[in-house]
N, C-alpha and C. Protein backbone atom coordinates (compact mmCIF):
# COMPACT_ATOMS: atom_id res chain seq x y z
N MET A 1 21.81 16.25 23.52
CA MET A 1 20.42 15.86 23.60
C MET A 1 19.94 15.76 25.04
N ARG A 2 20.83 15.38 25.95
CA ARG A 2 20.42 15.23 27.35
C ARG A 2 19.84 16.54 27.91
N PRO A 3 20.47 17.71 27.66
CA PRO A 3 19.86 18.95 28.18
C PRO A 3 18.46 19.19 27.63
N ILE A 4 18.24 18.83 26.38
CA ILE A 4 16.91 19.01 25.79
C ILE A 4 15.91 18.12 26.50
N ALA A 5 16.31 16.86 26.76
CA ALA A 5 15.43 15.93 27.45
C ALA A 5 15.11 16.43 28.85
N GLU A 6 16.13 16.92 29.54
CA GLU A 6 15.91 17.42 30.90
C GLU A 6 14.99 18.64 30.88
N ALA A 7 15.17 19.51 29.89
CA ALA A 7 14.32 20.70 29.80
C ALA A 7 12.87 20.31 29.53
N ALA A 8 12.69 19.20 28.80
CA ALA A 8 11.34 18.74 28.49
C ALA A 8 10.77 17.88 29.61
N GLY A 9 11.58 17.65 30.67
CA GLY A 9 11.12 16.83 31.78
C GLY A 9 11.10 15.36 31.46
N ARG A 10 12.01 14.94 30.60
CA ARG A 10 12.09 13.53 30.20
C ARG A 10 13.39 12.93 30.67
N CYS A 11 13.41 11.61 30.79
CA CYS A 11 14.64 10.95 31.18
C CYS A 11 15.45 10.52 29.96
N GLN A 12 14.83 10.53 28.77
CA GLN A 12 15.52 10.13 27.54
C GLN A 12 15.59 11.32 26.61
N PRO A 13 16.56 11.30 25.70
CA PRO A 13 16.63 12.37 24.71
C PRO A 13 15.36 12.41 23.86
N ALA A 14 15.03 13.57 23.38
CA ALA A 14 13.88 13.72 22.49
C ALA A 14 14.12 12.88 21.24
N CYS A 15 13.10 12.27 20.73
CA CYS A 15 13.25 11.42 19.55
C CYS A 15 12.64 12.11 18.33
N ALA A 16 12.81 11.49 17.20
CA ALA A 16 12.29 12.05 15.96
C ALA A 16 10.77 12.20 16.03
N TRP A 17 10.10 11.29 16.74
CA TRP A 17 8.64 11.37 16.86
C TRP A 17 8.22 12.71 17.47
N ASP A 18 8.98 13.14 18.49
CA ASP A 18 8.65 14.42 19.13
C ASP A 18 8.75 15.58 18.16
N MET A 19 9.65 15.45 17.19
CA MET A 19 9.79 16.52 16.21
C MET A 19 8.74 16.41 15.11
N MET A 20 8.23 15.19 14.88
CA MET A 20 7.25 14.98 13.81
C MET A 20 5.86 15.41 14.23
N VAL A 21 5.52 15.26 15.50
CA VAL A 21 4.16 15.53 15.94
C VAL A 21 3.69 16.93 15.57
N PRO A 22 4.49 17.99 15.84
CA PRO A 22 4.00 19.31 15.43
C PRO A 22 3.77 19.41 13.93
N ALA A 23 4.62 18.76 13.14
CA ALA A 23 4.45 18.81 11.69
C ALA A 23 3.18 18.09 11.28
N MET A 24 2.86 16.98 11.95
CA MET A 24 1.66 16.23 11.60
C MET A 24 0.40 16.95 12.05
N ALA A 25 0.53 17.80 13.04
CA ALA A 25 -0.64 18.50 13.57
C ALA A 25 -1.04 19.70 12.71
N ARG A 26 -0.24 20.01 11.70
CA ARG A 26 -0.59 21.13 10.83
C ARG A 26 -1.93 20.87 10.17
N THR A 27 -2.66 21.92 9.93
CA THR A 27 -3.92 21.76 9.22
C THR A 27 -3.72 22.09 7.75
N TYR A 28 -4.45 21.39 6.92
CA TYR A 28 -4.36 21.59 5.47
C TYR A 28 -5.74 21.87 4.94
N ASP A 29 -5.80 22.61 3.86
CA ASP A 29 -7.07 22.84 3.19
C ASP A 29 -7.39 21.61 2.34
N ILE A 30 -8.28 20.78 2.84
CA ILE A 30 -8.64 19.56 2.13
C ILE A 30 -10.14 19.61 1.85
N SER A 31 -10.47 19.43 0.60
CA SER A 31 -11.87 19.42 0.22
C SER A 31 -12.43 18.02 0.46
N LEU A 32 -13.61 17.95 1.04
CA LEU A 32 -14.27 16.67 1.23
C LEU A 32 -15.26 16.37 0.11
N ASP A 33 -15.29 17.26 -0.90
CA ASP A 33 -16.14 17.01 -2.06
C ASP A 33 -15.57 15.86 -2.86
N PRO A 34 -16.43 15.02 -3.44
CA PRO A 34 -15.94 13.91 -4.25
C PRO A 34 -15.11 14.40 -5.43
N ASP A 35 -14.00 13.75 -5.68
CA ASP A 35 -13.14 14.08 -6.82
C ASP A 35 -13.76 13.44 -8.06
N PRO A 36 -14.06 14.21 -9.10
CA PRO A 36 -14.73 13.64 -10.29
C PRO A 36 -13.90 12.55 -10.97
N VAL A 37 -12.59 12.65 -10.93
CA VAL A 37 -11.75 11.63 -11.57
C VAL A 37 -11.87 10.31 -10.80
N ILE A 38 -11.79 10.39 -9.48
CA ILE A 38 -11.91 9.18 -8.66
C ILE A 38 -13.30 8.58 -8.83
N GLU A 39 -14.32 9.42 -8.83
CA GLU A 39 -15.68 8.92 -9.01
C GLU A 39 -15.84 8.22 -10.35
N ALA A 40 -15.20 8.72 -11.39
CA ALA A 40 -15.28 8.09 -12.72
C ALA A 40 -14.64 6.71 -12.71
N TYR A 41 -13.54 6.55 -12.00
CA TYR A 41 -12.86 5.24 -11.93
C TYR A 41 -13.59 4.27 -11.02
N LYS A 42 -14.23 4.76 -9.97
CA LYS A 42 -14.88 3.88 -9.00
C LYS A 42 -15.95 3.01 -9.63
N LYS A 43 -16.62 3.52 -10.66
CA LYS A 43 -17.69 2.73 -11.28
C LYS A 43 -17.15 1.47 -11.96
N ASP A 44 -15.87 1.46 -12.29
CA ASP A 44 -15.26 0.31 -12.97
C ASP A 44 -14.53 -0.63 -12.02
N VAL A 45 -14.58 -0.37 -10.72
CA VAL A 45 -13.87 -1.20 -9.75
C VAL A 45 -14.86 -2.13 -9.07
N ASP A 46 -14.54 -3.43 -9.10
CA ASP A 46 -15.38 -4.42 -8.42
C ASP A 46 -14.97 -4.44 -6.95
N ARG A 47 -15.72 -3.75 -6.13
CA ARG A 47 -15.36 -3.62 -4.72
C ARG A 47 -15.56 -4.93 -3.95
N THR A 48 -16.39 -5.84 -4.50
CA THR A 48 -16.55 -7.13 -3.82
C THR A 48 -15.24 -7.89 -3.80
N LEU A 49 -14.46 -7.79 -4.90
CA LEU A 49 -13.16 -8.46 -4.93
C LEU A 49 -12.22 -7.85 -3.90
N LEU A 50 -12.26 -6.54 -3.76
CA LEU A 50 -11.42 -5.88 -2.75
C LEU A 50 -11.81 -6.34 -1.35
N ARG A 51 -13.09 -6.39 -1.09
CA ARG A 51 -13.56 -6.81 0.24
C ARG A 51 -13.14 -8.25 0.54
N GLU A 52 -13.30 -9.13 -0.45
CA GLU A 52 -12.92 -10.53 -0.26
C GLU A 52 -11.42 -10.65 0.00
N ASN A 53 -10.63 -9.89 -0.73
CA ASN A 53 -9.17 -9.94 -0.54
C ASN A 53 -8.80 -9.43 0.84
N LEU A 54 -9.49 -8.40 1.32
CA LEU A 54 -9.17 -7.85 2.64
C LEU A 54 -9.58 -8.78 3.78
N LYS A 55 -10.43 -9.77 3.49
CA LYS A 55 -10.79 -10.75 4.51
C LYS A 55 -9.66 -11.76 4.73
N LEU A 56 -8.75 -11.87 3.75
CA LEU A 56 -7.65 -12.82 3.85
C LEU A 56 -6.57 -12.29 4.79
N THR A 57 -5.82 -13.22 5.36
CA THR A 57 -4.68 -12.81 6.17
C THR A 57 -3.57 -12.35 5.22
N VAL A 58 -2.57 -11.71 5.77
CA VAL A 58 -1.44 -11.27 4.94
C VAL A 58 -0.79 -12.48 4.28
N GLU A 59 -0.62 -13.56 5.04
CA GLU A 59 0.00 -14.76 4.49
C GLU A 59 -0.83 -15.32 3.33
N GLU A 60 -2.15 -15.35 3.49
CA GLU A 60 -3.01 -15.86 2.42
C GLU A 60 -2.91 -14.98 1.18
N ARG A 61 -2.79 -13.68 1.37
CA ARG A 61 -2.64 -12.78 0.22
C ARG A 61 -1.32 -13.05 -0.50
N PHE A 62 -0.24 -13.26 0.27
CA PHE A 62 1.05 -13.56 -0.36
C PHE A 62 1.00 -14.88 -1.11
N LEU A 63 0.34 -15.89 -0.53
CA LEU A 63 0.23 -17.18 -1.21
C LEU A 63 -0.55 -17.03 -2.52
N ALA A 64 -1.62 -16.25 -2.50
CA ALA A 64 -2.39 -16.01 -3.72
C ALA A 64 -1.55 -15.27 -4.75
N LEU A 65 -0.77 -14.30 -4.30
CA LEU A 65 0.10 -13.56 -5.21
C LEU A 65 1.14 -14.47 -5.83
N MET A 66 1.72 -15.36 -5.02
CA MET A 66 2.73 -16.28 -5.55
C MET A 66 2.11 -17.25 -6.56
N ALA A 67 0.88 -17.70 -6.29
CA ALA A 67 0.19 -18.58 -7.25
C ALA A 67 -0.07 -17.85 -8.56
N LEU A 68 -0.46 -16.58 -8.46
CA LEU A 68 -0.68 -15.77 -9.66
C LEU A 68 0.62 -15.60 -10.44
N GLN A 69 1.72 -15.40 -9.72
CA GLN A 69 3.02 -15.25 -10.37
C GLN A 69 3.42 -16.54 -11.09
N ARG A 70 3.18 -17.69 -10.45
CA ARG A 70 3.49 -18.98 -11.11
C ARG A 70 2.67 -19.14 -12.38
N THR A 71 1.39 -18.75 -12.32
CA THR A 71 0.53 -18.83 -13.51
C THR A 71 1.04 -17.93 -14.62
N ALA A 72 1.43 -16.72 -14.27
CA ALA A 72 1.96 -15.77 -15.28
C ALA A 72 3.23 -16.32 -15.91
N GLU A 73 4.11 -16.91 -15.09
CA GLU A 73 5.35 -17.48 -15.64
C GLU A 73 5.05 -18.64 -16.58
N GLU A 74 4.10 -19.49 -16.21
CA GLU A 74 3.73 -20.61 -17.07
C GLU A 74 3.14 -20.12 -18.39
N MET A 75 2.34 -19.06 -18.34
CA MET A 75 1.77 -18.51 -19.57
C MET A 75 2.88 -17.94 -20.46
N GLN A 76 3.88 -17.32 -19.85
CA GLN A 76 5.01 -16.81 -20.64
C GLN A 76 5.75 -17.95 -21.32
N ARG A 77 5.98 -19.05 -20.57
CA ARG A 77 6.66 -20.21 -21.16
C ARG A 77 5.83 -20.82 -22.29
N ALA A 78 4.51 -20.90 -22.09
CA ALA A 78 3.64 -21.47 -23.12
C ALA A 78 3.65 -20.59 -24.37
N GLY A 79 3.65 -19.27 -24.19
CA GLY A 79 3.71 -18.37 -25.33
C GLY A 79 5.02 -18.51 -26.08
N ALA A 80 6.12 -18.65 -25.35
CA ALA A 80 7.44 -18.82 -25.99
C ALA A 80 7.48 -20.13 -26.76
N ARG A 81 6.92 -21.22 -26.18
CA ARG A 81 6.89 -22.51 -26.89
C ARG A 81 6.06 -22.40 -28.16
N SER A 82 4.93 -21.71 -28.06
CA SER A 82 4.06 -21.55 -29.22
C SER A 82 4.75 -20.78 -30.35
N ARG A 83 5.47 -19.73 -29.97
CA ARG A 83 6.19 -18.96 -30.99
C ARG A 83 7.31 -19.77 -31.62
N ARG A 84 7.99 -20.59 -30.82
CA ARG A 84 9.07 -21.44 -31.36
C ARG A 84 8.50 -22.49 -32.33
N ASN A 85 7.36 -23.06 -31.99
CA ASN A 85 6.76 -24.10 -32.82
C ASN A 85 6.23 -23.55 -34.14
N ARG A 86 5.88 -22.26 -34.19
CA ARG A 86 5.41 -21.66 -35.43
C ARG A 86 6.55 -21.44 -36.43
N SER A 87 7.73 -21.29 -35.91
CA SER A 87 8.87 -20.98 -36.81
C SER A 87 9.31 -22.15 -37.62
């Protein structure tokens, strides 16, 4: 690797990033026209909830997720108790 670095005028060996840049610079045929499937789903998405969630810090989002998980677990336990009591 040292000869490659020297040939490139660098003091360190070439890294994976140097190999990735040409691949990332490739051009692709991408249509900027709206995708009808995505447009159909967008009408059912409440974007205000997404915006509010994105205002939270990462830690706040994790805390909300953990609270949701605790609620789901409690609902599972309540459903199991209800099924046991019916028997």
